[in-house]
Every structure is written in structure tokens, then in C-alpha cells.
Protein backbone atom coordinates (compact mmCIF):
# COMPACT_ATOMS: atom_id res chain seq x y z
CA MET A 1 -38.58 7.61 -5.92
CA GLU A 2 -35.12 6.69 -4.58
CA LYS A 3 -31.97 8.71 -4.66
CA LYS A 4 -28.70 6.82 -3.79
CA LYS A 5 -26.12 9.89 -2.96
CA LYS A 6 -23.65 7.91 -1.19
CA LYS A 7 -20.89 7.89 -1.86
CA THR A 8 -17.24 8.23 -1.19
CA VAL A 9 -14.97 5.11 -1.25
CA SER A 10 -11.52 5.94 -0.14
CA MET A 11 -8.49 4.59 -1.58
CA PRO A 12 -5.15 3.82 0.33
CA LEU A 13 -2.43 6.45 -0.29
CA VAL A 14 0.41 5.51 -2.64
CA LEU A 15 3.77 6.95 -2.03
CA TYR A 16 6.48 6.27 -4.52
CA ILE A 17 9.98 7.48 -3.48
CA VAL A 18 13.03 8.00 -5.37
CA ALA A 19 15.92 7.68 -3.05
CA ALA A 20 19.34 9.41 -3.35
CA THR A 21 22.21 7.30 -3.09
CA LEU A 22 25.06 8.57 -1.15
CA LEU A 23 28.55 7.40 -2.33
CA LEU A 24 31.29 7.69 0.01
CA PHE A 25 35.00 7.59 -1.33
CA SER A 26 38.35 7.52 0.72
CA THR A 27 41.84 7.62 -0.36
CA VAL A 28 44.79 5.92 1.78
CA GLY A 29 48.23 7.39 1.73
CA SER A 30 51.33 5.66 3.06
CA THR A 31 54.55 7.06 4.85
CA ARG A 32 57.88 5.34 4.08
CA ALA A 33 60.74 5.65 6.66
CA ALA A 34 63.73 3.37 6.94
CA LEU A 35 62.09 0.91 4.92
CA THR A 36 59.49 0.30 7.68
CA TYR A 37 55.76 0.58 6.99
CA SER A 38 53.05 1.03 9.42
CA SER A 39 49.11 1.54 9.22
CA GLU A 40 46.39 2.43 11.77
CA ASN A 41 42.91 1.65 11.78
CA TYR A 42 40.11 4.05 12.15
CA GLU A 43 36.58 3.55 12.92
CA MET A 44 33.97 5.94 11.67
CA GLN A 45 30.05 6.39 12.11
CA ILE A 46 28.28 8.44 9.21
CA GLU A 47 24.61 9.39 9.45
CA VAL A 48 23.37 8.92 6.06
CA PRO A 49 20.72 11.41 5.06
CA SER A 50 17.28 9.86 4.05
CA ILE A 51 14.38 10.84 2.03
CA GLY A 52 10.87 10.75 2.84
CA VAL A 53 7.29 12.20 2.11
CA SER A 54 4.04 12.38 3.79
CA LEU A 55 0.60 13.31 2.73
CA VAL A 56 -1.32 15.72 4.57
CA GLU A 57 -5.19 16.02 4.29
CA ASN A 58 -7.13 18.95 5.96
CA GLY A 59 -3.99 19.10 8.49
CA VAL A 60 -3.81 15.39 9.34
CA VAL A 61 -1.29 12.97 7.93
CA VAL A 62 -2.90 10.27 6.27
CA GLY A 63 0.09 8.22 4.73
CA SER A 64 3.91 8.56 4.73
CA ARG A 65 6.89 6.55 3.44
CA ASP A 66 10.46 7.09 4.86
CA TYR A 67 13.93 5.61 4.42
CA VAL A 68 15.16 5.17 7.91
CA GLY A 69 17.95 2.94 9.26
CA ASN A 70 18.52 1.20 5.89
CA GLN A 71 14.91 0.29 5.22
CA TRP A 72 11.49 1.77 4.21
CA THR A 73 8.92 2.49 6.88
CA GLU A 74 5.43 3.04 5.64
CA SER A 75 2.28 4.19 7.41
CA GLY A 76 -1.02 4.64 5.68
CA GLY A 77 -4.60 5.47 6.18
CA GLU A 78 -7.67 6.68 3.88
CA LEU A 79 -8.72 9.71 2.02
CA LEU A 80 -11.77 11.69 2.55
CA THR A 81 -12.13 10.36 6.49
CA ASN A 82 -11.03 14.01 7.14
CA MET A 83 -13.53 15.77 5.10
CA LEU A 84 -17.06 14.91 6.31
CA GLY A 85 -18.76 15.04 9.73
CA GLU A 86 -19.92 12.10 11.61
CA ASN A 87 -22.56 10.51 9.86
CA GLU A 88 -22.59 13.09 7.15
CA LYS A 89 -23.53 12.16 3.61
CA ILE A 90 -22.20 13.44 0.33
CA VAL A 91 -24.78 15.94 -1.33
CA LEU A 92 -24.42 16.73 -4.85
CA GLY A 93 -23.32 20.24 -5.77
CA LYS A 94 -22.11 20.99 -1.99
CA SER A 95 -18.56 22.06 -1.39
CA TYR A 96 -16.24 19.93 1.13
CA PRO A 97 -13.07 21.20 2.50
CA GLU A 98 -10.24 18.97 0.83
CA ALA A 99 -6.91 20.39 1.33
CA LEU A 100 -4.26 18.18 0.22
CA SER A 101 -0.42 18.97 0.88
CA VAL A 102 2.91 17.35 1.06
CA HIS A 103 5.18 17.42 4.24
CA ASN A 104 8.91 16.60 4.01
CA SER A 105 9.23 13.95 6.56
CA GLY A 106 12.89 13.04 5.36
CA THR A 107 16.22 14.88 6.40
CA ILE A 108 16.89 15.93 3.15
CA ASP A 109 15.70 18.69 0.88
CA SER A 110 13.59 17.56 -1.94
CA TYR A 111 11.31 18.39 -5.03
CA VAL A 112 7.89 16.58 -4.82
CA ARG A 113 5.28 15.59 -7.39
CA VAL A 114 1.62 14.42 -6.80
CA VAL A 115 -0.35 12.66 -9.18
CA LEU A 116 -4.62 12.56 -8.59
CA TYR A 117 -6.47 9.83 -9.88
CA LYS A 118 -10.39 10.00 -10.22
CA SER A 119 -12.60 7.36 -11.24
CA TRP A 120 -16.03 5.55 -10.83
CA THR A 121 -16.42 2.09 -9.58
CA LYS A 122 -19.79 -0.38 -9.63
CA ASP A 123 -19.26 -3.55 -7.58
CA GLY A 124 -15.61 -3.00 -7.02
CA GLU A 125 -14.70 -2.77 -10.95
CA ALA A 126 -13.58 0.44 -13.01
CA VAL A 127 -16.37 1.75 -14.88
CA ALA A 128 -16.00 2.61 -18.52
CA ASP A 129 -18.91 4.93 -18.86
CA THR A 130 -19.10 8.15 -20.64
CA GLU A 131 -22.32 8.87 -18.73
CA LEU A 132 -20.15 9.18 -15.54
CA SER A 133 -17.13 11.54 -16.54
CA PRO A 134 -14.17 11.63 -14.00
CA ASP A 135 -14.80 15.44 -14.70
CA LEU A 136 -18.00 15.08 -12.48
CA ILE A 137 -15.65 14.56 -9.18
CA ALA A 138 -14.29 18.16 -9.18
CA LEU A 139 -11.06 18.77 -7.16
CA ASN A 140 -10.50 22.49 -7.33
CA LEU A 141 -6.70 23.00 -7.82
CA THR A 142 -5.46 26.11 -6.11
CA GLY A 143 -2.40 26.70 -8.27
CA ALA A 144 -0.42 27.87 -5.34
CA GLY A 145 3.11 26.98 -5.98
CA TRP A 146 2.14 23.97 -8.14
CA ILE A 147 2.27 23.46 -11.95
CA GLU A 148 0.22 21.04 -13.87
CA ASP A 149 1.97 18.91 -16.55
CA GLU A 150 -0.91 19.23 -19.21
CA ASP A 151 0.82 16.96 -21.45
CA ALA A 152 0.61 13.95 -19.09
CA SER A 153 -2.93 14.91 -17.37
CA THR A 154 -5.95 13.09 -18.65
CA PRO A 155 -9.49 13.64 -17.15
CA GLU A 156 -8.74 10.60 -15.07
CA ARG A 157 -5.30 11.76 -13.85
CA ARG A 158 -3.67 14.97 -13.10
CA VAL A 159 0.06 15.27 -12.75
CA LEU A 160 1.26 18.18 -10.46
CA TYR A 161 4.66 19.50 -9.74
CA TYR A 162 5.85 21.78 -6.77
CA THR A 163 7.95 24.61 -8.19
CA SER A 164 10.00 25.09 -4.88
CA VAL A 165 12.42 22.97 -3.15
CA LEU A 166 10.48 21.41 -0.10
CA PRO A 167 12.96 21.77 2.77
CA SER A 168 13.56 19.26 5.40
CA GLY A 169 10.55 19.43 7.77
CA GLY A 170 8.67 21.97 5.37
CA ASP A 171 5.13 21.79 4.10
CA THR A 172 3.81 22.67 0.48
CA ALA A 173 0.83 24.95 0.22
CA PRO A 174 -2.23 22.91 -0.37
CA LEU A 175 -2.64 21.59 -4.08
CA CYS A 176 -6.28 21.56 -3.58
CA ASP A 177 -9.00 22.92 -1.21
CA ILE A 178 -12.55 21.72 -2.13
CA LEU A 179 -14.05 18.62 -3.34
CA ARG A 180 -17.60 18.88 -5.03
CA LEU A 181 -19.55 16.34 -7.09
CA ASP A 182 -21.26 18.21 -10.02
CA PRO A 183 -24.96 18.52 -9.59
CA ALA A 184 -25.32 17.54 -12.99
CA LEU A 185 -25.15 13.90 -11.93
CA ALA A 186 -28.82 14.37 -10.84
CA ASP A 187 -29.82 15.16 -14.43
CA LYS A 188 -28.81 11.76 -15.54
CA VAL A 189 -32.13 9.99 -14.97
CA THR A 190 -34.08 7.55 -16.76
CA GLU A 191 -37.77 7.07 -16.13
CA THR A 192 -39.67 4.12 -17.38
CA ARG A 193 -43.15 2.71 -16.44
CA THR A 194 -43.58 -0.96 -14.66
CA ALA A 195 -45.02 -3.61 -17.04
CA ASP A 196 -48.63 -2.96 -16.13
CA GLY A 197 -48.21 0.98 -16.36
CA SER A 198 -49.29 1.58 -12.88
CA ARG A 199 -45.98 3.03 -11.40
CA LEU A 200 -43.37 5.16 -12.64
CA LYS A 201 -39.80 3.79 -12.05
CA THR A 202 -36.92 6.42 -11.80
CA GLU A 203 -33.41 5.54 -12.15
CA TYR A 204 -30.25 7.78 -11.48
CA ALA A 205 -27.10 7.14 -13.65
CA TYR A 206 -25.18 7.05 -10.29
CA ASP A 207 -27.30 4.52 -8.62
CA GLY A 208 -24.78 1.56 -7.22
CA TYR A 209 -21.76 3.62 -8.32
CA ARG A 210 -18.93 4.82 -6.00
CA PHE A 211 -16.49 7.82 -6.68
CA ASN A 212 -12.68 7.22 -6.09
CA ILE A 213 -9.69 9.26 -5.42
CA ARG A 214 -6.25 8.21 -5.38
CA VAL A 215 -3.15 10.21 -4.68
CA GLU A 216 0.57 9.23 -5.56
CA VAL A 217 3.35 11.37 -3.91
CA ASP A 218 6.86 11.02 -4.82
CA ALA A 219 10.18 12.98 -4.30
CA VAL A 220 13.58 13.48 -5.60
CA GLN A 221 16.66 14.70 -4.31
CA THR A 222 17.63 18.37 -5.19
CA HIS A 223 21.35 17.51 -6.07
CA ASN A 224 21.78 17.23 -9.43
CA ALA A 225 17.94 17.76 -9.67
CA VAL A 226 17.36 18.03 -13.48
CA GLU A 227 19.06 14.72 -14.18
CA ALA A 228 17.29 13.24 -11.12
CA ILE A 229 14.07 14.52 -12.36
CA ARG A 230 14.44 13.49 -15.81
CA SER A 231 15.49 9.82 -14.62
CA ALA A 232 12.96 9.45 -12.20
CA TRP A 233 9.85 11.18 -13.69
CA GLY A 234 10.58 11.14 -17.40
CA VAL A 235 10.39 15.11 -17.68
CA ASP A 236 12.54 17.80 -18.61
CA VAL A 237 12.91 21.08 -16.63
CA GLU A 238 15.11 23.63 -15.96
CA MET A 239 15.84 25.59 -12.96
CA THR A 240 15.95 29.33 -12.32
CA GLY A 241 17.43 29.56 -9.13
CA ASN A 242 15.77 26.80 -6.94
CA GLN A 243 12.58 27.21 -9.00
CA LEU A 244 11.36 24.40 -11.26
CA SER A 245 9.90 24.97 -14.78
CA LEU A 246 8.64 22.16 -17.11
CA ILE A 247 10.01 22.15 -20.59
CA ARG A 248 7.29 21.33 -22.93
CA GLY A 249 7.87 18.53 -25.55
CA GLY A 250 11.31 19.60 -26.34
CA THR A 251 10.38 22.76 -27.84
CA GLY A 252 12.24 24.89 -25.29
CA SER A 253 9.22 26.54 -24.27
CA THR A 254 8.41 26.57 -20.48
CA ARG A 255 5.82 27.28 -17.90
CA GLY A 256 6.63 27.32 -14.00
CA ASN A 257 4.98 30.47 -12.45
CA GLY A 258 2.90 28.70 -10.07
CA SER A 259 -0.37 29.27 -11.83
CA ASP A 260 -2.81 26.19 -12.38
CA GLU A 261 -4.38 27.30 -15.66
């Protein structure tokens, strides 16, 4: 009897950033004296604030995107590499530390959103198989300062917003802390006998499959936050001080106390 219990495939971090645009206006006045006009030239250096975010996994930055010097700079790694010990294999039902948080690596304060994707693949192709639900890939959401947009979430995708302003240089609370593969995977088994009936063949539903986790992080400026969030993320929010609450479907009801469910 064979059991294939591997497996994690780590997807590259994807970071989408909505950058703030700084408009600089100046007015020029003139002084008239004895019908003689004069002007002076001034040189000015302006340091434009920049936006940037980094994804942190178990205390290690695994990817970032920052707007520096009028251009984007990116760095990326792979998820789950900071979760397992050397030569360690995934065991069904075992809980593994998987603390994901966001660091504001820009020079301006921002609001941030994270989208978590979970899926199964076989031979590099997405699997449309109800026997292998994304729910079998369990990420424990902490609810510590994060709210979920349940209207936009599906079993394959969870959409989360950090309710507080993330200051420049600051870090969010972890949005999740544990990864666990449901042991029910081991129950999805088919047993058949060979053609001559001499041997029982056991096949598990997860044989040859891999689970995938992908994370998208994006940020918007705090200036005119309600309009910026609506434009960037397509959701309506309201602010109580600097605390963000989601407005459900135009009904005016809100949720935003930082609890997960």
C-alpha cells in the first residue's frame, strides 16, 4: 500500500499596488514698478512620498513591491519555505506555523488588503474535482484586526481587509497562524483488486496532487481613503476615525470590529 503525502507547491508572491499621485501646484505673481518687469528663477527639490508593501511569513519577508525613484522595485520568494524543517514532510492533520502579515515598506501610511487563494493541481493543471475541495487546505484566520469580505469570498478565495491604518514602517497583526491539511483526505480512498484477483490495489484521492497557496497584497493611500478604496478595490467602506468598516451591498449595514466570523 502506497501513500503519497507530499505535498506543497509554493506559488510566487503577487503584489498589486495602487499608488498615490501627488499633484504639485504653484502660482506666480508679478510686481510692477516704473513699467519695468523682472523675474527670478528658483530651483526646488521635492521628495515625493512612495507607497510599498511586503508580505511577511513567519517573521521573514518573502516578497515586496515598492515605488522608489519613479519606478517599481520588486523582490519575490516562495511561500511555505519558512514553515517546514529541513527534509520535513507534510503530515495530514498536523498543524504547521504559517503566520502571514503585511509590512508597510513605503514612506506613507496606507490601508491594505490581502487575497488568499487555495487550490489543487495535478501535473501543473488546475483541478476541477469536488473530491478535493479547497476547504481541505485549512488556514486558520486569526481575526486580529482583519475583517473578511464574505460577499467576495469563495472556497478558493478569501478576501481580507486590515481595519486600521498601517503606518509607514509598521506591521499588521498576523491574518492567519496555522496551516493544516484535513485528515479527511485519507478517507478518500478506492480499493480494487488486480485482474487476477491476487492483489488489492489502494488508491488515494490525493495521489499525484499538490496543494497551492497564493497571496495577493495591495495597498491604497489614506488620503481620501473612502474614494481611493472604492476606486481601487470596488468596495464601499466607512470610517470611524481611522477604523475601516465594510458596507454590505449598499444596505448601509456594516461590519468592522476585527473579528473573523
